[in-house]
Amino acid sequence: MANQKLKKATPTMQKYQQFAKAREPARPILRNLTVAFVVGGLICVLGQAIQDLFVHVFGFSQKDAGNPTVAVLIALTAMATGLGAFDKFARWAGAGTAVPVTGFANSMVSAAMEYRTEGFVLGVAGNMFKLAGSVIVWGVVSAFFIGLIRTLLVIGR
């Protein structure tokens, strides 16, 4: 139905599309994939190093070290976003910076910075939590279904 509303491309439009496509620079797909893989892996290595620090230096158990590790990664990303460094890094690194914790922290801080002129409540908090709302809903719904599946598996024993 959506295609019916689009008008057919005129010969001039078709010529321009061919012209533009011929001059479009090739995308370095292999480079982008490699950089994203390496950067994402290095972010995970950093997370593991922070977790090991909590375990070996501060005496946390492996299980208990997870939450402060995530908090440190969020804080580092938030500070880097606030200073403008994370965006420059993300332009170079591409999808590698979209590791869930760092990507989410960057999105939250970016939204807060964008709307800060509208005030703290309606600007920063209101717009920052528009983004967070979908993530929270997804987390709650997925946790519900995982809990339901686990309950059914336990009952089935």
Protein backbone atom coordinates (compact mmCIF):
# COMPACT_ATOMS: atom_id res chain seq x y z
CA MET A 1 0.00 0.00 0.00
CA ALA A 2 2.85 2.40 0.77
CA ASN A 3 4.33 1.79 -2.70
CA GLN A 4 1.11 2.94 -4.36
CA LYS A 5 1.53 6.41 -2.87
CA LEU A 6 5.06 6.85 -4.22
CA LYS A 7 5.21 8.46 -7.61
CA LYS A 8 7.18 6.85 -10.37
CA ALA A 9 10.68 8.22 -10.94
CA THR A 10 10.93 10.47 -13.96
CA PRO A 11 13.73 9.96 -16.52
CA THR A 12 15.55 12.96 -15.03
CA MET A 13 15.28 11.47 -11.53
CA GLN A 14 16.55 8.13 -12.84
CA LYS A 15 19.54 9.80 -14.51
CA TYR A 16 20.36 11.66 -11.31
CA GLN A 17 20.12 8.47 -9.25
CA GLN A 18 22.55 6.76 -11.65
CA PHE A 19 24.85 9.79 -11.54
CA ALA A 20 24.83 9.89 -7.73
CA LYS A 21 25.31 6.14 -7.38
CA ALA A 22 28.33 6.20 -9.72
CA ARG A 23 30.00 8.86 -7.59
CA GLU A 24 29.14 7.46 -4.18
CA PRO A 25 32.31 6.47 -2.34
CA ALA A 26 32.75 2.80 -1.60
CA ARG A 27 32.12 1.88 2.00
CA PRO A 28 35.05 0.19 3.72
CA ILE A 29 32.95 -2.69 5.05
CA LEU A 30 35.86 -4.95 6.03
CA ARG A 31 37.59 -2.09 7.87
CA ASN A 32 34.35 -1.13 9.65
CA LEU A 33 33.70 -4.72 10.71
CA THR A 34 37.27 -5.19 11.94
CA VAL A 35 37.35 -1.92 13.89
CA ALA A 36 33.92 -2.59 15.44
CA PHE A 37 34.98 -6.09 16.46
CA VAL A 38 38.29 -4.95 17.96
CA VAL A 39 36.84 -1.89 19.75
CA GLY A 40 33.88 -3.85 21.13
CA GLY A 41 36.29 -6.52 22.34
CA LEU A 42 38.57 -3.95 23.95
CA ILE A 43 35.62 -2.38 25.78
CA CYS A 44 34.75 -5.84 27.08
CA VAL A 45 38.39 -6.41 28.09
CA LEU A 46 38.29 -3.10 29.98
CA GLY A 47 35.13 -4.27 31.73
CA GLN A 48 36.79 -7.55 32.64
CA ALA A 49 39.84 -5.70 33.99
CA ILE A 50 37.61 -3.49 36.13
CA GLN A 51 35.77 -6.56 37.42
CA ASP A 52 39.06 -8.28 38.22
CA LEU A 53 40.13 -5.15 40.09
CA PHE A 54 37.00 -5.36 42.26
CA VAL A 55 37.55 -9.07 42.87
CA HIS A 56 41.29 -9.11 43.57
CA VAL A 57 41.88 -5.69 45.13
CA PHE A 58 38.63 -4.95 46.91
CA GLY A 59 37.72 -8.52 47.85
CA PHE A 60 34.37 -8.73 46.03
CA SER A 61 33.08 -12.11 44.97
CA GLN A 62 32.88 -12.74 41.23
CA LYS A 63 29.09 -12.38 41.40
CA ASP A 64 29.13 -9.21 43.51
CA ALA A 65 31.71 -7.48 41.31
CA GLY A 66 29.33 -7.29 38.35
CA ASN A 67 27.22 -4.33 39.50
CA PRO A 68 30.06 -1.98 40.42
CA THR A 69 31.81 -2.91 37.17
CA VAL A 70 28.77 -1.83 35.16
CA ALA A 71 28.52 1.35 37.24
CA VAL A 72 32.16 2.24 36.52
CA LEU A 73 31.72 1.62 32.78
CA ILE A 74 28.59 3.81 32.79
CA ALA A 75 30.39 6.56 34.71
CA LEU A 76 33.42 6.48 32.37
CA THR A 77 31.18 6.64 29.30
CA ALA A 78 29.06 9.42 30.78
CA MET A 79 32.14 11.50 31.56
CA ALA A 80 33.63 10.86 28.11
CA THR A 81 30.31 11.84 26.48
CA GLY A 82 30.06 14.99 28.58
CA LEU A 83 33.58 16.00 27.55
CA GLY A 84 32.83 15.31 23.89
CA ALA A 85 35.46 12.58 23.64
CA PHE A 86 33.08 9.62 23.28
CA ASP A 87 31.39 11.01 20.16
CA LYS A 88 34.74 11.51 18.42
CA PHE A 89 35.79 8.01 19.44
CA ALA A 90 32.45 6.55 18.29
CA ARG A 91 32.75 8.20 14.86
CA TRP A 92 36.04 6.39 14.40
CA ALA A 93 35.11 3.11 16.09
CA GLY A 94 31.60 2.77 14.69
CA ALA A 95 29.39 0.00 15.99
CA GLY A 96 32.10 -1.25 18.36
CA THR A 97 31.04 1.41 20.86
CA ALA A 98 27.49 0.11 20.86
CA VAL A 99 28.35 -2.44 23.54
CA PRO A 100 25.08 -2.29 25.51
CA VAL A 101 26.33 -0.56 28.66
CA THR A 102 28.47 2.08 26.99
CA GLY A 103 26.01 2.68 24.17
CA PHE A 104 23.14 3.13 26.60
CA ALA A 105 25.13 5.48 28.84
CA ASN A 106 26.16 7.56 25.82
CA SER A 107 22.56 7.78 24.62
CA MET A 108 21.30 8.87 28.02
CA VAL A 109 23.94 11.57 28.53
CA SER A 110 23.61 12.81 24.94
CA ALA A 111 19.85 13.22 25.39
CA ALA A 112 20.40 15.04 28.68
CA MET A 113 22.93 17.39 27.11
CA GLU A 114 20.75 18.09 24.09
CA TYR A 115 17.74 19.21 26.12
CA ARG A 116 19.47 20.94 29.04
CA THR A 117 18.36 24.39 27.80
CA GLU A 118 14.74 23.37 28.45
CA GLY A 119 15.39 22.93 32.17
CA PHE A 120 16.32 20.06 34.42
CA VAL A 121 12.89 18.48 34.89
CA LEU A 122 11.13 18.93 31.54
CA GLY A 123 14.28 19.13 29.45
CA VAL A 124 16.91 16.83 30.87
CA ALA A 125 14.87 14.32 32.86
CA GLY A 126 11.86 14.26 30.56
CA ASN A 127 13.81 13.62 27.39
CA MET A 128 16.47 11.44 28.95
CA PHE A 129 13.83 9.03 30.22
CA LYS A 130 12.03 8.87 26.88
CA LEU A 131 15.00 6.82 25.75
CA ALA A 132 15.33 4.94 29.01
CA GLY A 133 11.65 4.06 29.03
CA SER A 134 11.91 1.72 26.06
CA VAL A 135 14.99 0.04 27.54
CA ILE A 136 13.30 -0.41 30.91
CA VAL A 137 10.14 -1.81 29.30
CA TRP A 138 12.20 -4.23 27.23
CA GLY A 139 14.11 -5.33 30.35
CA VAL A 140 10.92 -5.88 32.37
CA VAL A 141 9.11 -7.74 29.59
CA SER A 142 12.08 -9.96 28.77
CA ALA A 143 12.67 -10.67 32.48
CA PHE A 144 9.01 -11.66 32.79
CA PHE A 145 9.21 -14.13 29.93
CA ILE A 146 12.54 -15.56 31.09
CA GLY A 147 11.08 -16.00 34.58
CA LEU A 148 7.99 -17.64 33.09
CA ILE A 149 10.08 -20.05 31.03
CA ARG A 150 12.26 -20.90 34.00
CA THR A 151 9.20 -21.48 36.19
CA LEU A 152 7.69 -23.79 33.58
CA LEU A 153 10.96 -25.70 33.32
CA VAL A 154 11.20 -26.09 37.12
CA ILE A 155 7.57 -27.24 37.35
CA GLY A 156 8.18 -29.68 34.50
CA ARG A 157 10.85 -31.54 36.47
